[in-house]
PDB file of N, CA and C in Angstrom:
ATOM      1  N   MET A   1     -36.058  15.898  -9.030  1.00  0.00           N
ATOM      2  CA  MET A   1     -35.013  16.770  -8.544  1.00  0.00           C
ATOM      3  C   MET A   1     -33.892  15.924  -7.948  1.00  0.00           C
ATOM      4  N   LYS A   2     -32.645  16.257  -8.265  1.00  0.00           N
ATOM      5  CA  LYS A   2     -31.501  15.507  -7.756  1.00  0.00           C
ATOM      6  C   LYS A   2     -31.154  15.972  -6.349  1.00  0.00           C
ATOM      7  N   SER A   3     -30.801  15.017  -5.526  1.00  0.00           N
ATOM      8  CA  SER A   3     -30.363  15.407  -4.183  1.00  0.00           C
ATOM      9  C   SER A   3     -28.884  15.771  -4.218  1.00  0.00           C
ATOM     10  N   SER A   4     -28.452  16.540  -3.258  1.00  0.00           N
ATOM     11  CA  SER A   4     -27.056  16.994  -3.240  1.00  0.00           C
ATOM     12  C   SER A   4     -26.102  15.896  -2.789  1.00  0.00           C
ATOM     13  N   THR A   5     -26.626  14.769  -2.327  1.00  0.00           N
ATOM     14  CA  THR A   5     -25.765  13.692  -1.845  1.00  0.00           C
ATOM     15  C   THR A   5     -25.440  12.664  -2.919  1.00  0.00           C
ATOM     16  N   GLN A   6     -25.958  12.840  -4.124  1.00  0.00           N
ATOM     17  CA  GLN A   6     -25.672  11.881  -5.182  1.00  0.00           C
ATOM     18  C   GLN A   6     -24.217  11.996  -5.616  1.00  0.00           C
ATOM     19  N   VAL A   7     -23.632  10.860  -5.952  1.00  0.00           N
ATOM     20  CA  VAL A   7     -22.246  10.819  -6.393  1.00  0.00           C
ATOM     21  C   VAL A   7     -22.203  11.024  -7.895  1.00  0.00           C
ATOM     22  N   LYS A   8     -21.355  11.919  -8.337  1.00  0.00           N
ATOM     23  CA  LYS A   8     -21.216  12.170  -9.765  1.00  0.00           C
ATOM     24  C   LYS A   8     -20.289  11.115 -10.364  1.00  0.00           C
ATOM     25  N   ARG A   9     -20.763  10.434 -11.352  1.00  0.00           N
ATOM     26  CA  ARG A   9     -19.976   9.394 -12.012  1.00  0.00           C
ATOM     27  C   ARG A   9     -19.215  10.011 -13.183  1.00  0.00           C
ATOM     28  N   THR A  10     -17.956   9.645 -13.301  1.00  0.00           N
ATOM     29  CA  THR A  10     -17.167  10.149 -14.423  1.00  0.00           C
ATOM     30  C   THR A  10     -16.553   8.978 -15.173  1.00  0.00           C
ATOM     31  N   ARG A  11     -16.040   9.241 -16.343  1.00  0.00           N
ATOM     32  CA  ARG A  11     -15.397   8.196 -17.133  1.00  0.00           C
ATOM     33  C   ARG A  11     -13.954   7.984 -16.718  1.00  0.00           C
ATOM     34  N   ASN A  12     -13.412   8.846 -15.877  1.00  0.00           N
ATOM     35  CA  ASN A  12     -12.009   8.758 -15.490  1.00  0.00           C
ATOM     36  C   ASN A  12     -11.786   7.871 -14.269  1.00  0.00           C
ATOM     37  N   ARG A  13     -12.738   7.057 -13.929  1.00  0.00           N
ATOM     38  CA  ARG A  13     -12.601   6.204 -12.754  1.00  0.00           C
ATOM     39  C   ARG A  13     -11.644   5.055 -13.044  1.00  0.00           C
ATOM     40  N   LEU A  14     -10.907   4.651 -12.027  1.00  0.00           N
ATOM     41  CA  LEU A  14      -9.997   3.518 -12.175  1.00  0.00           C
ATOM     42  C   LEU A  14     -10.788   2.218 -12.166  1.00  0.00           C
ATOM     43  N   PRO A  15     -10.325   1.201 -12.869  1.00  0.00           N
ATOM     44  CA  PRO A  15     -11.019  -0.085 -12.832  1.00  0.00           C
ATOM     45  C   PRO A  15     -10.841  -0.746 -11.466  1.00  0.00           C
ATOM     46  N   THR A  16     -11.788  -1.582 -11.091  1.00  0.00           N
ATOM     47  CA  THR A  16     -11.667  -2.279  -9.816  1.00  0.00           C
ATOM     48  C   THR A  16     -10.558  -3.314  -9.897  1.00  0.00           C
ATOM     49  N   ILE A  17      -9.999  -3.666  -8.739  1.00  0.00           N
ATOM     50  CA  ILE A  17      -8.922  -4.647  -8.694  1.00  0.00           C
ATOM     51  C   ILE A  17      -9.452  -6.019  -9.104  1.00  0.00           C
ATOM     52  N   TRP A  18     -10.581  -6.413  -8.541  1.00  0.00           N
ATOM     53  CA  TRP A  18     -11.161  -7.711  -8.854  1.00  0.00           C
ATOM     54  C   TRP A  18     -12.351  -7.494  -9.771  1.00  0.00           C
ATOM     55  N   LYS A  19     -12.421  -8.275 -10.818  1.00  0.00           N
ATOM     56  CA  LYS A  19     -13.520  -8.107 -11.759  1.00  0.00           C
ATOM     57  C   LYS A  19     -14.822  -8.660 -11.196  1.00  0.00           C
ATOM     58  N   ASN A  20     -14.743  -9.668 -10.339  1.00  0.00           N
ATOM     59  CA  ASN A  20     -15.945 -10.312  -9.835  1.00  0.00           C
ATOM     60  C   ASN A  20     -16.344  -9.768  -8.475  1.00  0.00           C
ATOM     61  N   GLY A  21     -16.261  -8.521  -8.291  1.00  0.00           N
ATOM     62  CA  GLY A  21     -16.680  -7.864  -7.054  1.00  0.00           C
ATOM     63  C   GLY A  21     -15.561  -7.853  -6.049  1.00  0.00           C
ATOM     64  N   GLY A  22     -15.063  -6.904  -5.572  1.00  0.00           N
ATOM     65  CA  GLY A  22     -14.019  -6.725  -4.593  1.00  0.00           C
ATOM     66  C   GLY A  22     -14.066  -5.273  -4.253  1.00  0.00           C
ATOM     67  N   ARG A  23     -13.131  -4.835  -3.474  1.00  0.00           N
ATOM     68  CA  ARG A  23     -13.179  -3.432  -3.101  1.00  0.00           C
ATOM     69  C   ARG A  23     -11.894  -2.735  -3.467  1.00  0.00           C
ATOM     70  N   GLY A  24     -11.964  -1.455  -3.663  1.00  0.00           N
ATOM     71  CA  GLY A  24     -10.785  -0.650  -3.864  1.00  0.00           C
ATOM     72  C   GLY A  24     -10.440  -0.457  -5.327  1.00  0.00           C
ATOM     73  N   LYS A  25      -9.585   0.495  -5.542  1.00  0.00           N
ATOM     74  CA  LYS A  25      -9.098   0.798  -6.879  1.00  0.00           C
ATOM     75  C   LYS A  25      -7.595   0.588  -6.882  1.00  0.00           C
ATOM     76  N   MET A  26      -7.035   0.428  -8.051  1.00  0.00           N
ATOM     77  CA  MET A  26      -5.617   0.139  -8.127  1.00  0.00           C
ATOM     78  C   MET A  26      -4.976   1.007  -9.199  1.00  0.00           C
ATOM     79  N   ARG A  27      -3.835   1.547  -8.871  1.00  0.00           N
ATOM     80  CA  ARG A  27      -3.082   2.335  -9.841  1.00  0.00           C
ATOM     81  C   ARG A  27      -1.650   1.831  -9.808  1.00  0.00           C
ATOM     82  N   THR A  28      -1.048   1.620 -10.951  1.00  0.00           N
ATOM     83  CA  THR A  28       0.320   1.141 -11.035  1.00  0.00           C
ATOM     84  C   THR A  28       1.263   2.328 -10.991  1.00  0.00           C
ATOM     85  N   ILE A  29       2.265   2.244 -10.124  1.00  0.00           N
ATOM     86  CA  ILE A  29       3.273   3.292 -10.069  1.00  0.00           C
ATOM     87  C   ILE A  29       4.645   2.650 -10.205  1.00  0.00           C
ATOM     88  N   GLN A  30       5.582   3.398 -10.730  1.00  0.00           N
ATOM     89  CA  GLN A  30       6.948   2.913 -10.877  1.00  0.00           C
ATOM     90  C   GLN A  30       7.727   3.246  -9.608  1.00  0.00           C
ATOM     91  N   VAL A  31       8.343   2.237  -8.999  1.00  0.00           N
ATOM     92  CA  VAL A  31       9.097   2.417  -7.763  1.00  0.00           C
ATOM     93  C   VAL A  31      10.528   1.950  -8.016  1.00  0.00           C
ATOM     94  N   PRO A  32      11.529   2.731  -7.588  1.00  0.00           N
ATOM     95  CA  PRO A  32      12.919   2.308  -7.762  1.00  0.00           C
ATOM     96  C   PRO A  32      13.198   0.982  -7.049  1.00  0.00           C
ATOM     97  N   LEU A  33      14.095   0.187  -7.613  1.00  0.00           N
ATOM     98  CA  LEU A  33      14.389  -1.143  -7.092  1.00  0.00           C
ATOM     99  C   LEU A  33      14.904  -1.096  -5.659  1.00  0.00           C
ATOM    100  N   GLY A  34      15.734  -0.119  -5.317  1.00  0.00           N
ATOM    101  CA  GLY A  34      16.259  -0.013  -3.957  1.00  0.00           C
ATOM    102  C   GLY A  34      15.161   0.153  -2.924  1.00  0.00           C
ATOM    103  N   ILE A  35      14.155   0.941  -3.255  1.00  0.00           N
ATOM    104  CA  ILE A  35      13.040   1.156  -2.329  1.00  0.00           C
ATOM    105  C   ILE A  35      12.216  -0.118  -2.200  1.00  0.00           C
ATOM    106  N   LYS A  36      12.044  -0.847  -3.297  1.00  0.00           N
ATOM    107  CA  LYS A  36      11.307  -2.113  -3.235  1.00  0.00           C
ATOM    108  C   LYS A  36      12.011  -3.098  -2.305  1.00  0.00           C
ATOM    109  N   GLU A  37      13.339  -3.163  -2.403  1.00  0.00           N
ATOM    110  CA  GLU A  37      14.088  -4.090  -1.561  1.00  0.00           C
ATOM    111  C   GLU A  37      14.002  -3.694  -0.092  1.00  0.00           C
ATOM    112  N   GLU A  38      14.086  -2.387   0.199  1.00  0.00           N
ATOM    113  CA  GLU A  38      13.947  -1.934   1.585  1.00  0.00           C
ATOM    114  C   GLU A  38      12.557  -2.263   2.120  1.00  0.00           C
ATOM    115  N   ALA A  39      11.537  -2.041   1.312  1.00  0.00           N
ATOM    116  CA  ALA A  39      10.169  -2.340   1.738  1.00  0.00           C
ATOM    117  C   ALA A  39      10.008  -3.833   2.016  1.00  0.00           C
ATOM    118  N   TYR A  40      10.630  -4.676   1.191  1.00  0.00           N
ATOM    119  CA  TYR A  40      10.559  -6.119   1.390  1.00  0.00           C
ATOM    120  C   TYR A  40      11.250  -6.517   2.692  1.00  0.00           C
ATOM    121  N   GLN A  41      12.420  -5.938   2.961  1.00  0.00           N
ATOM    122  CA  GLN A  41      13.138  -6.251   4.197  1.00  0.00           C
ATOM    123  C   GLN A  41      12.341  -5.803   5.421  1.00  0.00           C
ATOM    124  N   ILE A  42      11.712  -4.635   5.342  1.00  0.00           N
ATOM    125  CA  ILE A  42      10.892  -4.152   6.459  1.00  0.00           C
ATOM    126  C   ILE A  42       9.690  -5.066   6.659  1.00  0.00           C
ATOM    127  N   ALA A  43       9.083  -5.529   5.574  1.00  0.00           N
ATOM    128  CA  ALA A  43       7.951  -6.449   5.688  1.00  0.00           C
ATOM    129  C   ALA A  43       8.372  -7.747   6.366  1.00  0.00           C
ATOM    130  N   LEU A  44       9.575  -8.242   6.055  1.00  0.00           N
ATOM    131  CA  LEU A  44      10.069  -9.456   6.713  1.00  0.00           C
ATOM    132  C   LEU A  44      10.234  -9.236   8.210  1.00  0.00           C
ATOM    133  N   VAL A  45      10.780  -8.083   8.590  1.00  0.00           N
ATOM    134  CA  VAL A  45      10.950  -7.778  10.013  1.00  0.00           C
ATOM    135  C   VAL A  45       9.592  -7.736  10.701  1.00  0.00           C
ATOM    136  N   LEU A  46       8.613  -7.077  10.083  1.00  0.00           N
ATOM    137  CA  LEU A  46       7.287  -6.971  10.692  1.00  0.00           C
ATOM    138  C   LEU A  46       6.618  -8.334  10.826  1.00  0.00           C
ATOM    139  N   ASN A  47       6.889  -9.239   9.888  1.00  0.00           N
ATOM    140  CA  ASN A  47       6.272 -10.562   9.944  1.00  0.00           C
ATOM    141  C   ASN A  47       6.941 -11.490  10.951  1.00  0.00           C
ATOM    142  N   HIS A  48       8.262 -11.324  11.177  1.00  0.00           N
ATOM    143  CA  HIS A  48       8.985 -12.315  11.964  1.00  0.00           C
ATOM    144  C   HIS A  48       9.372 -11.864  13.367  1.00  0.00           C
ATOM    145  N   GLU A  49       9.433 -10.578  13.622  1.00  0.00           N
ATOM    146  CA  GLU A  49       9.801 -10.097  14.953  1.00  0.00           C
ATOM    147  C   GLU A  49       8.539  -9.838  15.767  1.00  0.00           C
ATOM    148  N   SER A  50       8.515 -10.337  16.998  1.00  0.00           N
ATOM    149  CA  SER A  50       7.337 -10.122  17.835  1.00  0.00           C
ATOM    150  C   SER A  50       7.531  -8.977  18.826  1.00  0.00           C
ATOM    151  N   ASP A  51       8.768  -8.686  19.202  1.00  0.00           N
ATOM    152  CA  ASP A  51       9.045  -7.623  20.162  1.00  0.00           C
ATOM    153  C   ASP A  51       9.046  -6.270  19.444  1.00  0.00           C
ATOM    154  N   THR A  52       8.256  -5.323  19.943  1.00  0.00           N
ATOM    155  CA  THR A  52       8.124  -4.021  19.290  1.00  0.00           C
ATOM    156  C   THR A  52       9.435  -3.262  19.259  1.00  0.00           C
ATOM    157  N   ASP A  53      10.178  -3.271  20.366  1.00  0.00           N
ATOM    158  CA  ASP A  53      11.452  -2.550  20.400  1.00  0.00           C
ATOM    159  C   ASP A  53      12.448  -3.141  19.403  1.00  0.00           C
ATOM    160  N   MET A  54      12.465  -4.453  19.303  1.00  0.00           N
ATOM    161  CA  MET A  54      13.364  -5.111  18.357  1.00  0.00           C
ATOM    162  C   MET A  54      12.964  -4.771  16.918  1.00  0.00           C
ATOM    163  N   ARG A  55      11.656  -4.733  16.654  1.00  0.00           N
ATOM    164  CA  ARG A  55      11.177  -4.350  15.326  1.00  0.00           C
ATOM    165  C   ARG A  55      11.674  -2.964  14.944  1.00  0.00           C
ATOM    166  N   LEU A  56      11.489  -2.006  15.860  1.00  0.00           N
ATOM    167  CA  LEU A  56      11.902  -0.630  15.577  1.00  0.00           C
ATOM    168  C   LEU A  56      13.402  -0.534  15.342  1.00  0.00           C
ATOM    169  N   GLU A  57      14.184  -1.251  16.142  1.00  0.00           N
ATOM    170  CA  GLU A  57      15.641  -1.213  15.988  1.00  0.00           C
ATOM    171  C   GLU A  57      16.065  -1.791  14.638  1.00  0.00           C
ATOM    172  N   ARG A  58      15.470  -2.919  14.255  1.00  0.00           N
ATOM    173  CA  ARG A  58      15.815  -3.542  12.971  1.00  0.00           C
ATOM    174  C   ARG A  58      15.413  -2.652  11.794  1.00  0.00           C
ATOM    175  N   ILE A  59      14.243  -1.999  11.900  1.00  0.00           N
ATOM    176  CA  ILE A  59      13.796  -1.103  10.831  1.00  0.00           C
ATOM    177  C   ILE A  59      14.729   0.096  10.725  1.00  0.00           C
ATOM    178  N   ARG A  60      15.168   0.629  11.859  1.00  0.00           N
ATOM    179  CA  ARG A  60      16.129   1.744  11.839  1.00  0.00           C
ATOM    180  C   ARG A  60      17.424   1.325  11.147  1.00  0.00           C
ATOM    181  N   GLN A  61      17.896   0.102  11.427  1.00  0.00           N
ATOM    182  CA  GLN A  61      19.119  -0.392  10.794  1.00  0.00           C
ATOM    183  C   GLN A  61      18.945  -0.502   9.277  1.00  0.00           C
ATOM    184  N   ILE A  62      17.786  -0.975   8.851  1.00  0.00           N
ATOM    185  CA  ILE A  62      17.521  -1.112   7.414  1.00  0.00           C
ATOM    186  C   ILE A  62      17.500   0.260   6.748  1.00  0.00           C
ATOM    187  N   LEU A  63      16.845   1.223   7.382  1.00  0.00           N
ATOM    188  CA  LEU A  63      16.719   2.549   6.778  1.00  0.00           C
ATOM    189  C   LEU A  63      18.028   3.326   6.773  1.00  0.00           C
ATOM    190  N   LYS A  64      18.911   3.048   7.752  1.00  0.00           N
ATOM    191  CA  LYS A  64      20.213   3.715   7.764  1.00  0.00           C
ATOM    192  C   LYS A  64      21.102   3.193   6.640  1.00  0.00           C
ATOM    193  N   GLY A  65      20.895   1.958   6.280  1.00  0.00           N
ATOM    194  CA  GLY A  65      21.660   1.399   5.162  1.00  0.00           C
ATOM    195  C   GLY A  65      22.718   0.548   5.608  1.00  0.00           C
TER     196      GLY A  65
END
């Protein structure tokens, strides 16, 4: 008898990111270039600014354009 906690396996599962064991699934999506550039600029601010208030101000400036 099957228990109700078993996971149903389907063929529509996404392939794993790493073939040699890793975690998570990956799906490719198309993103407009402008959004990619904004995301990159925000990532730079998050990596280089240590003050939280300064981070928020810089991110607001980026999002305003």
